[in-house]
C-alpha atoms as a PDB file:
ATOM      1  CA  MET A   1     114.823 183.916  27.152  1.00  0.00           C
ATOM      2  CA  LEU A   2     115.679 182.630  24.087  1.00  0.00           C
ATOM      3  CA  THR A   3     116.274 185.944  22.446  1.00  0.00           C
ATOM      4  CA  ARG A   4     120.202 185.361  22.948  1.00  0.00           C
ATOM      5  CA  ILE A   5     119.742 182.224  21.337  1.00  0.00           C
ATOM      6  CA  LEU A   6     118.172 183.396  18.264  1.00  0.00           C
ATOM      7  CA  GLN A   7     120.886 185.195  17.694  1.00  0.00           C
ATOM      8  CA  VAL A   8     122.905 182.279  17.122  1.00  0.00           C
ATOM      9  CA  LEU A   9     121.007 179.587  16.207  1.00  0.00           C
ATOM     10  CA  PRO A  10     119.880 180.796  12.668  1.00  0.00           C
ATOM     11  CA  ILE A  11     123.227 181.099  11.972  1.00  0.00           C
ATOM     12  CA  LEU A  12     123.021 177.606  11.479  1.00  0.00           C
ATOM     13  CA  THR A  13     124.885 178.128   8.008  1.00  0.00           C
ATOM     14  CA  LEU A  14     126.592 174.186   8.136  1.00  0.00           C
ATOM     15  CA  ALA A  15     128.828 175.584   5.370  1.00  0.00           C
ATOM     16  CA  THR A  16     130.686 173.089   2.449  1.00  0.00           C
ATOM     17  CA  VAL A  17     130.496 173.132  -1.037  1.00  0.00           C
ATOM     18  CA  ALA A  18     126.740 172.318  -1.659  1.00  0.00           C
ATOM     19  CA  SER A  19     125.001 169.979  -3.727  1.00  0.00           C
ATOM     20  CA  ALA A  20     121.714 168.413  -4.365  1.00  0.00           C
ATOM     21  CA  GLN A  21     123.303 165.187  -3.233  1.00  0.00           C
ATOM     22  CA  SER A  22     124.807 166.407   0.214  1.00  0.00           C
ATOM     23  CA  PRO A  23     124.617 164.572   2.987  1.00  0.00           C
ATOM     24  CA  PHE A  24     124.033 167.514   5.281  1.00  0.00           C
ATOM     25  CA  SER A  25     120.486 168.383   2.720  1.00  0.00           C
ATOM     26  CA  GLY A  26     117.159 167.095   4.204  1.00  0.00           C
ATOM     27  CA  ASP A  27     114.704 167.153   7.214  1.00  0.00           C
ATOM     28  CA  TRP A  28     116.220 166.907  10.587  1.00  0.00           C
ATOM     29  CA  LYS A  29     113.986 166.242  14.077  1.00  0.00           C
ATOM     30  CA  LEU A  30     116.066 167.576  17.267  1.00  0.00           C
ATOM     31  CA  ASP A  31     116.355 164.897  19.428  1.00  0.00           C
ATOM     32  CA  PRO A  32     116.019 166.915  23.073  1.00  0.00           C
ATOM     33  CA  GLN A  33     117.010 164.455  25.257  1.00  0.00           C
ATOM     34  CA  ARG A  34     120.601 164.544  23.693  1.00  0.00           C
ATOM     35  CA  SER A  35     120.462 168.375  23.477  1.00  0.00           C
ATOM     36  CA  ARG A  36     121.400 171.101  25.696  1.00  0.00           C
ATOM     37  CA  LEU A  37     120.485 174.906  24.989  1.00  0.00           C
ATOM     38  CA  PRO A  38     122.274 176.613  28.359  1.00  0.00           C
ATOM     39  CA  ASP A  39     121.008 179.983  28.778  1.00  0.00           C
ATOM     40  CA  GLU A  40     122.593 182.779  30.658  1.00  0.00           C
ATOM     41  CA  MET A  41     120.352 186.061  30.812  1.00  0.00           C
ATOM     42  CA  LYS A  42     121.465 189.205  33.132  1.00  0.00           C
ATOM     43  CA  VAL A  43     119.420 191.753  34.888  1.00  0.00           C
ATOM     44  CA  GLN A  44     120.582 194.988  36.351  1.00  0.00           C
ATOM     45  CA  SER A  45     118.808 197.394  38.671  1.00  0.00           C
ATOM     46  CA  LYS A  46     118.773 200.760  37.885  1.00  0.00           C
ATOM     47  CA  GLY A  47     116.454 202.227  40.166  1.00  0.00           C
ATOM     48  CA  ASP A  48     113.366 204.212  39.552  1.00  0.00           C
ATOM     49  CA  ASN A  49     111.245 200.836  38.378  1.00  0.00           C
ATOM     50  CA  THR A  50     114.177 200.959  35.707  1.00  0.00           C
ATOM     51  CA  TYR A  51     116.426 197.706  34.800  1.00  0.00           C
ATOM     52  CA  VAL A  52     118.938 196.314  32.307  1.00  0.00           C
ATOM     53  CA  PHE A  53     118.353 193.541  30.545  1.00  0.00           C
ATOM     54  CA  ASP A  54     121.321 191.331  28.664  1.00  0.00           C
ATOM     55  CA  PHE A  55     119.919 188.597  26.938  1.00  0.00           C
ATOM     56  CA  GLY A  56     123.257 187.913  25.158  1.00  0.00           C
ATOM     57  CA  GLY A  57     122.932 190.732  22.426  1.00  0.00           C
ATOM     58  CA  ALA A  58     123.135 194.586  23.639  1.00  0.00           C
ATOM     59  CA  PRO A  59     121.748 195.656  26.771  1.00  0.00           C
ATOM     60  CA  GLU A  60     118.458 197.060  26.844  1.00  0.00           C
ATOM     61  CA  THR A  61     117.643 199.716  29.157  1.00  0.00           C
ATOM     62  CA  ILE A  62     113.948 199.338  30.221  1.00  0.00           C
ATOM     63  CA  VAL A  63     111.321 200.711  32.565  1.00  0.00           C
ATOM     64  CA  ALA A  64     108.770 198.108  33.474  1.00  0.00           C
ATOM     65  CA  ASP A  65     105.747 199.497  33.121  1.00  0.00           C
ATOM     66  CA  GLY A  66     104.308 197.626  30.394  1.00  0.00           C
ATOM     67  CA  SER A  67     104.906 199.842  27.880  1.00  0.00           C
ATOM     68  CA  ASP A  68     106.443 198.924  24.477  1.00  0.00           C
ATOM     69  CA  GLN A  69     110.179 200.802  24.684  1.00  0.00           C
ATOM     70  CA  THR A  70     112.823 200.418  22.117  1.00  0.00           C
ATOM     71  CA  GLY A  71     114.842 197.115  21.987  1.00  0.00           C
ATOM     72  CA  PHE A  72     117.487 195.293  19.965  1.00  0.00           C
ATOM     73  CA  ASP A  73     116.889 194.831  15.906  1.00  0.00           C
ATOM     74  CA  ASN A  74     114.532 196.933  15.358  1.00  0.00           C
ATOM     75  CA  THR A  75     112.288 195.367  18.118  1.00  0.00           C
ATOM     76  CA  LEU A  76     109.972 196.607  20.996  1.00  0.00           C
ATOM     77  CA  LEU A  77     110.049 195.238  24.551  1.00  0.00           C
ATOM     78  CA  SER A  78     108.074 195.635  27.661  1.00  0.00           C
ATOM     79  CA  VAL A  79     108.512 194.237  31.185  1.00  0.00           C
ATOM     80  CA  LYS A  80     105.541 194.186  33.713  1.00  0.00           C
ATOM     81  CA  ALA A  81     105.317 192.606  37.066  1.00  0.00           C
ATOM     82  CA  THR A  82     102.089 191.232  37.182  1.00  0.00           C
ATOM     83  CA  GLY A  83     102.627 189.810  41.394  1.00  0.00           C
ATOM     84  CA  PRO A  84     105.571 189.799  43.695  1.00  0.00           C
ATOM     85  CA  ASP A  85     107.089 186.826  41.990  1.00  0.00           C
ATOM     86  CA  THR A  86     105.644 187.074  38.494  1.00  0.00           C
ATOM     87  CA  TRP A  87     107.216 189.416  35.491  1.00  0.00           C
ATOM     88  CA  ILE A  88     105.841 189.016  31.740  1.00  0.00           C
ATOM     89  CA  VAL A  89     107.868 189.781  29.270  1.00  0.00           C
ATOM     90  CA  ARG A  90     106.877 190.701  25.483  1.00  0.00           C
ATOM     91  CA  ARG A  91     108.861 191.472  22.198  1.00  0.00           C
ATOM     92  CA  LYS A  92     107.254 192.920  19.328  1.00  0.00           C
ATOM     93  CA  LYS A  93     108.987 193.286  15.948  1.00  0.00           C
ATOM     94  CA  ALA A  94     107.372 194.198  12.487  1.00  0.00           C
ATOM     95  CA  GLY A  95     104.229 195.125  14.712  1.00  0.00           C
ATOM     96  CA  ARG A  96     103.226 192.159  15.862  1.00  0.00           C
ATOM     97  CA  LEU A  97     103.522 189.998  19.206  1.00  0.00           C
ATOM     98  CA  TRP A  98     106.519 187.751  18.514  1.00  0.00           C
ATOM     99  CA  ILE A  99     107.603 186.609  21.970  1.00  0.00           C
ATOM    100  CA  GLU A 100     105.996 186.520  25.362  1.00  0.00           C
ATOM    101  CA  ALA A 101     107.946 184.934  28.360  1.00  0.00           C
ATOM    102  CA  THR A 102     106.038 184.874  32.058  1.00  0.00           C
ATOM    103  CA  TRP A 103     108.964 184.235  34.840  1.00  0.00           C
ATOM    104  CA  LYS A 104     108.373 183.183  38.111  1.00  0.00           C
ATOM    105  CA  LEU A 105     110.661 183.523  41.072  1.00  0.00           C
ATOM    106  CA  SER A 106     110.524 181.056  43.695  1.00  0.00           C
ATOM    107  CA  ASN A 107     109.717 181.989  47.300  1.00  0.00           C
ATOM    108  CA  ASP A 108     113.756 181.897  48.588  1.00  0.00           C
ATOM    109  CA  ASP A 109     114.454 184.141  45.095  1.00  0.00           C
ATOM    110  CA  SER A 110     116.850 180.993  44.216  1.00  0.00           C
ATOM    111  CA  THR A 111     115.422 179.508  40.865  1.00  0.00           C
ATOM    112  CA  LEU A 112     113.607 181.426  38.088  1.00  0.00           C
ATOM    113  CA  THR A 113     111.370 179.654  35.657  1.00  0.00           C
ATOM    114  CA  ASP A 114     110.648 181.242  32.444  1.00  0.00           C
ATOM    115  CA  ALA A 115     107.556 179.876  29.978  1.00  0.00           C
ATOM    116  CA  TYR A 116     108.832 180.945  26.855  1.00  0.00           C
ATOM    117  CA  ARG A 117     106.716 181.446  23.461  1.00  0.00           C
ATOM    118  CA  GLN A 118     107.932 182.227  20.030  1.00  0.00           C
ATOM    119  CA  PHE A 119     104.994 182.972  17.631  1.00  0.00           C
ATOM    120  CA  ASP A 120     105.872 182.887  13.808  1.00  0.00           C
ATOM    121  CA  PRO A 121     103.791 185.081  11.371  1.00  0.00           C
ATOM    122  CA  ASP A 122     102.425 181.382   9.896  1.00  0.00           C
ATOM    123  CA  GLY A 123     100.587 180.801  13.169  1.00  0.00           C
ATOM    124  CA  SER A 124     102.939 178.043  14.562  1.00  0.00           C
ATOM    125  CA  THR A 125     104.209 178.523  18.290  1.00  0.00           C
ATOM    126  CA  LEU A 126     107.963 177.760  19.684  1.00  0.00           C
ATOM    127  CA  SER A 127     107.087 176.419  23.010  1.00  0.00           C
ATOM    128  CA  MET A 128     110.348 176.078  25.463  1.00  0.00           C
ATOM    129  CA  ASP A 129     110.753 176.043  29.529  1.00  0.00           C
ATOM    130  CA  TYR A 130     113.591 177.425  31.452  1.00  0.00           C
ATOM    131  CA  VAL A 131     114.969 176.832  34.783  1.00  0.00           C
ATOM    132  CA  TYR A 132     117.603 179.488  36.185  1.00  0.00           C
ATOM    133  CA  ARG A 133     119.673 179.399  38.792  1.00  0.00           C
ATOM    134  CA  ARG A 134     120.792 182.996  40.588  1.00  0.00           C
ATOM    135  CA  ALA A 135     124.634 182.924  40.485  1.00  0.00           C
ATOM    136  CA  GLY A 136     126.252 185.822  42.641  1.00  0.00           C
ATOM    137  CA  ASP A 137     124.769 188.648  44.200  1.00  0.00           C
ATOM    138  CA  GLY A 138     121.589 190.300  43.090  1.00  0.00           C
ATOM    139  CA  ALA A 139     117.958 190.551  45.027  1.00  0.00           C
ATOM    140  CA  GLY A 140     114.525 189.647  43.516  1.00  0.00           C
ATOM    141  CA  ILE A 141     114.798 189.924  39.490  1.00  0.00           C
ATOM    142  CA  ALA A 142     118.123 191.513  39.604  1.00  0.00           C
ATOM    143  CA  ALA A 143     120.319 188.742  39.045  1.00  0.00           C
ATOM    144  CA  ASP A 144     122.567 186.721  36.706  1.00  0.00           C
ATOM    145  CA  TRP A 145     120.308 184.052  36.151  1.00  0.00           C
ATOM    146  CA  GLN A 146     122.083 180.750  34.386  1.00  0.00           C
ATOM    147  CA  SER A 147     119.998 178.255  33.215  1.00  0.00           C
ATOM    148  CA  VAL A 148     120.200 174.518  34.852  1.00  0.00           C
ATOM    149  CA  LYS A 149     117.445 172.791  32.861  1.00  0.00           C
ATOM    150  CA  GLU A 150     115.534 173.600  29.299  1.00  0.00           C
ATOM    151  CA  THR A 151     112.251 171.980  28.401  1.00  0.00           C
ATOM    152  CA  VAL A 152     111.199 172.050  24.490  1.00  0.00           C
ATOM    153  CA  ASN A 153     107.791 171.441  24.072  1.00  0.00           C
ATOM    154  CA  SER A 154     107.202 171.796  20.418  1.00  0.00           C
ATOM    155  CA  PRO A 155     108.262 170.300  17.410  1.00  0.00           C
ATOM    156  CA  PHE A 156     111.567 171.327  16.054  1.00  0.00           C
ATOM    157  CA  VAL A 157     112.626 170.331  12.753  1.00  0.00           C
ATOM    158  CA  LEU A 158     115.359 171.818  10.737  1.00  0.00           C
ATOM    159  CA  HIS A 159     114.773 171.304   6.604  1.00  0.00           C
ATOM    160  CA  VAL A 160     118.161 172.273   4.710  1.00  0.00           C
ATOM    161  CA  LYS A 161     118.554 172.176   1.536  1.00  0.00           C
ATOM    162  CA  PRO A 162     120.407 173.708  -1.694  1.00  0.00           C
ATOM    163  CA  PHE A 163     120.476 177.564  -1.907  1.00  0.00           C
ATOM    164  CA  GLN A 164     122.268 178.791  -5.036  1.00  0.00           C
ATOM    165  CA  GLY A 165     125.366 177.552  -6.494  1.00  0.00           C
ATOM    166  CA  GLY A 166     126.903 175.975  -3.596  1.00  0.00           C
ATOM    167  CA  GLY A 167     125.231 177.137  -0.391  1.00  0.00           C
ATOM    168  CA  PHE A 168     122.046 175.977   1.839  1.00  0.00           C
ATOM    169  CA  SER A 169     118.655 177.313   3.371  1.00  0.00           C
ATOM    170  CA  PHE A 170     118.121 176.421   6.791  1.00  0.00           C
ATOM    171  CA  ALA A 171     114.520 176.591   7.706  1.00  0.00           C
ATOM    172  CA  SER A 172     113.205 175.880  11.330  1.00  0.00           C
ATOM    173  CA  PRO A 173     111.561 177.165  14.262  1.00  0.00           C
ATOM    174  CA  LEU A 174     113.765 179.555  14.924  1.00  0.00           C
ATOM    175  CA  GLY A 175     113.156 181.247  11.432  1.00  0.00           C
ATOM    176  CA  THR A 176     115.018 180.888   8.173  1.00  0.00           C
ATOM    177  CA  THR A 177     119.035 181.688   7.062  1.00  0.00           C
ATOM    178  CA  ASP A 178     119.759 181.184   3.703  1.00  0.00           C
ATOM    179  CA  ALA A 179     123.662 181.003   3.397  1.00  0.00           C
ATOM    180  CA  ALA A 180     125.450 181.501   0.223  1.00  0.00           C
ATOM    181  CA  LEU A 181     128.465 179.986  -0.040  1.00  0.00           C
ATOM    182  CA  GLU A 182     131.403 180.188  -2.325  1.00  0.00           C
ATOM    183  CA  ASN A 183     134.308 178.398  -0.744  1.00  0.00           C
ATOM    184  CA  GLU A 184     135.419 176.826   2.419  1.00  0.00           C
ATOM    185  CA  ASN A 185     137.489 180.419   3.351  1.00  0.00           C
ATOM    186  CA  HIS A 186     134.724 182.944   2.250  1.00  0.00           C
ATOM    187  CA  GLU A 187     133.279 185.160   4.510  1.00  0.00           C
ATOM    188  CA  VAL A 188     129.439 185.706   3.698  1.00  0.00           C
ATOM    189  CA  PRO A 189     127.081 188.077   5.242  1.00  0.00           C
ATOM    190  CA  SER A 190     124.391 187.009   7.217  1.00  0.00           C
ATOM    191  CA  ALA A 191     120.720 188.678   6.167  1.00  0.00           C
ATOM    192  CA  GLY A 192     119.355 191.331   8.796  1.00  0.00           C
ATOM    193  CA  GLN A 193     122.466 190.598  11.267  1.00  0.00           C
ATOM    194  CA  GLY A 194     125.457 192.432   9.683  1.00  0.00           C
ATOM    195  CA  ALA A 195     127.479 188.963  10.396  1.00  0.00           C
ATOM    196  CA  LEU A 196     130.622 187.560   8.843  1.00  0.00           C
ATOM    197  CA  LYS A 197     131.192 184.247   8.835  1.00  0.00           C
ATOM    198  CA  THR A 198     134.158 182.462   8.086  1.00  0.00           C
ATOM    199  CA  VAL A 199     133.971 178.720   6.966  1.00  0.00           C
ATOM    200  CA  ARG A 200     136.383 175.757   7.058  1.00  0.00           C
ATOM    201  CA  ARG A 201     135.474 172.418   6.004  1.00  0.00           C
ATOM    202  CA  VAL A 202     137.657 170.063   8.286  1.00  0.00           C
ATOM    203  CA  ASP A 203     136.283 166.655   6.230  1.00  0.00           C
ATOM    204  CA  ASN A 204     133.517 165.158   4.545  1.00  0.00           C
ATOM    205  CA  ARG A 205     131.157 164.991   7.679  1.00  0.00           C
ATOM    206  CA  ARG A 206     132.903 167.670  10.026  1.00  0.00           C
ATOM    207  CA  LEU A 207     132.603 172.272   9.477  1.00  0.00           C
ATOM    208  CA  VAL A 208     133.427 174.768  11.460  1.00  0.00           C
ATOM    209  CA  VAL A 209     131.953 178.286  11.183  1.00  0.00           C
ATOM    210  CA  THR A 210     133.118 181.627  12.640  1.00  0.00           C
ATOM    211  CA  ILE A 211     130.756 184.036  13.279  1.00  0.00           C
ATOM    212  CA  LYS A 212     132.140 187.494  13.373  1.00  0.00           C
ATOM    213  CA  GLN A 213     130.289 190.775  14.071  1.00  0.00           C
ATOM    214  CA  GLY A 214     131.270 194.225  13.910  1.00  0.00           C
ATOM    215  CA  GLY A 215     134.713 193.121  13.191  1.00  0.00           C
ATOM    216  CA  LYS A 216     134.291 191.287  16.351  1.00  0.00           C
ATOM    217  CA  GLN A 217     134.346 187.343  16.730  1.00  0.00           C
ATOM    218  CA  VAL A 218     130.942 186.546  18.426  1.00  0.00           C
ATOM    219  CA  ALA A 219     130.411 182.465  18.265  1.00  0.00           C
ATOM    220  CA  THR A 220     131.837 179.762  16.240  1.00  0.00           C
ATOM    221  CA  GLU A 221     129.861 176.703  15.042  1.00  0.00           C
ATOM    222  CA  GLU A 222     130.876 172.818  14.426  1.00  0.00           C
ATOM    223  CA  ALA A 223     128.432 170.875  12.344  1.00  0.00           C
ATOM    224  CA  VAL A 224     129.198 166.837  12.207  1.00  0.00           C
ATOM    225  CA  LEU A 225     127.573 163.946  10.488  1.00  0.00           C
ATOM    226  CA  SER A 226     127.941 160.652  12.204  1.00  0.00           C
ATOM    227  CA  ALA A 227     128.940 158.081  10.204  1.00  0.00           C
ATOM    228  CA  ASP A 228     125.723 156.686   8.546  1.00  0.00           C
ATOM    229  CA  LEU A 229     125.075 160.462   7.772  1.00  0.00           C
ATOM    230  CA  LYS A 230     121.662 159.661  10.229  1.00  0.00           C
ATOM    231  CA  THR A 231     122.800 162.080  12.812  1.00  0.00           C
ATOM    232  CA  LEU A 232     123.800 166.059  12.942  1.00  0.00           C
ATOM    233  CA  THR A 233     125.352 167.202  15.503  1.00  0.00           C
ATOM    234  CA  MET A 234     125.145 171.393  16.108  1.00  0.00           C
ATOM    235  CA  THR A 235     127.921 172.529  18.898  1.00  0.00           C
ATOM    236  CA  VAL A 236     127.868 176.226  19.392  1.00  0.00           C
ATOM    237  CA  HIS A 237     130.656 178.275  21.057  1.00  0.00           C
ATOM    238  CA  VAL A 238     129.241 181.786  22.099  1.00  0.00           C
ATOM    239  CA  VAL A 239     131.838 184.276  23.040  1.00  0.00           C
ATOM    240  CA  GLY A 240     131.618 184.862  26.550  1.00  0.00           C
ATOM    241  CA  HIS A 241     129.312 181.864  27.323  1.00  0.00           C
ATOM    242  CA  ASP A 242     131.043 179.260  29.380  1.00  0.00           C
ATOM    243  CA  ARG A 243     128.544 176.341  28.294  1.00  0.00           C
ATOM    244  CA  PRO A 244     128.072 175.479  24.667  1.00  0.00           C
ATOM    245  CA  ASN A 245     124.708 175.011  22.929  1.00  0.00           C
ATOM    246  CA  VAL A 246     124.850 171.425  21.893  1.00  0.00           C
ATOM    247  CA  LEU A 247     121.556 170.221  18.923  1.00  0.00           C
ATOM    248  CA  THR A 248     121.578 166.609  18.174  1.00  0.00           C
ATOM    249  CA  PHE A 249     119.211 165.812  15.112  1.00  0.00           C
ATOM    250  CA  GLU A 250     118.020 162.938  13.851  1.00  0.00           C
ATOM    251  CA  ARG A 251     117.271 162.255  10.136  1.00  0.00           C
ATOM    252  CA  THR A 252     113.697 162.076   9.047  1.00  0.00           C
END
């Protein structure tokens, strides 16, 4: 499920000393063929139809009866089996349906498909399909699931523009992040997530951001512009994940 990616990708804070003429500013369209968003989610059975779900944030203990239950970051999570091999996972935020995912187990229980849909307030829908493979022991839905294929079905455009006196505003289907940046080594809190970001400018086309939460490093991301300034590559390393997310954008 993309929930864990949402905790990282909205931190698309290409940190630099911004200006209206910055080469990072503009509209960037994701190239799915050159991008990878590997994902991992863990499901542990606790018995009595109760499961611990770890989507990369805080583990959530949920009774899989379809009822809304307290999830992380002020959300409500519900999980319900609609058949022996199909589960419906829904997450609500601010009183509305935010995420709906349909999980289907293969006949041999070795793979799991995830039809992920995110519904935004403006009426748009982010559609992605995942294929996961079981890693290690487990039975049924309970397993460590690692994605082997990720497909972005809907348009994915990143809008980058100056924000305040030296930062950037980033808007994408994953949400909007306003990054107010003062200098290359200034820690900036991330709205709504309590994160701190330490920015290092390597050169004019390469930036590195370290993200900390609760005093601990949770991710680093690197933004690199091509020599012709037409391609933007974002590489996100999440602590605890072996594989980085790599997003390649082309200037529109």
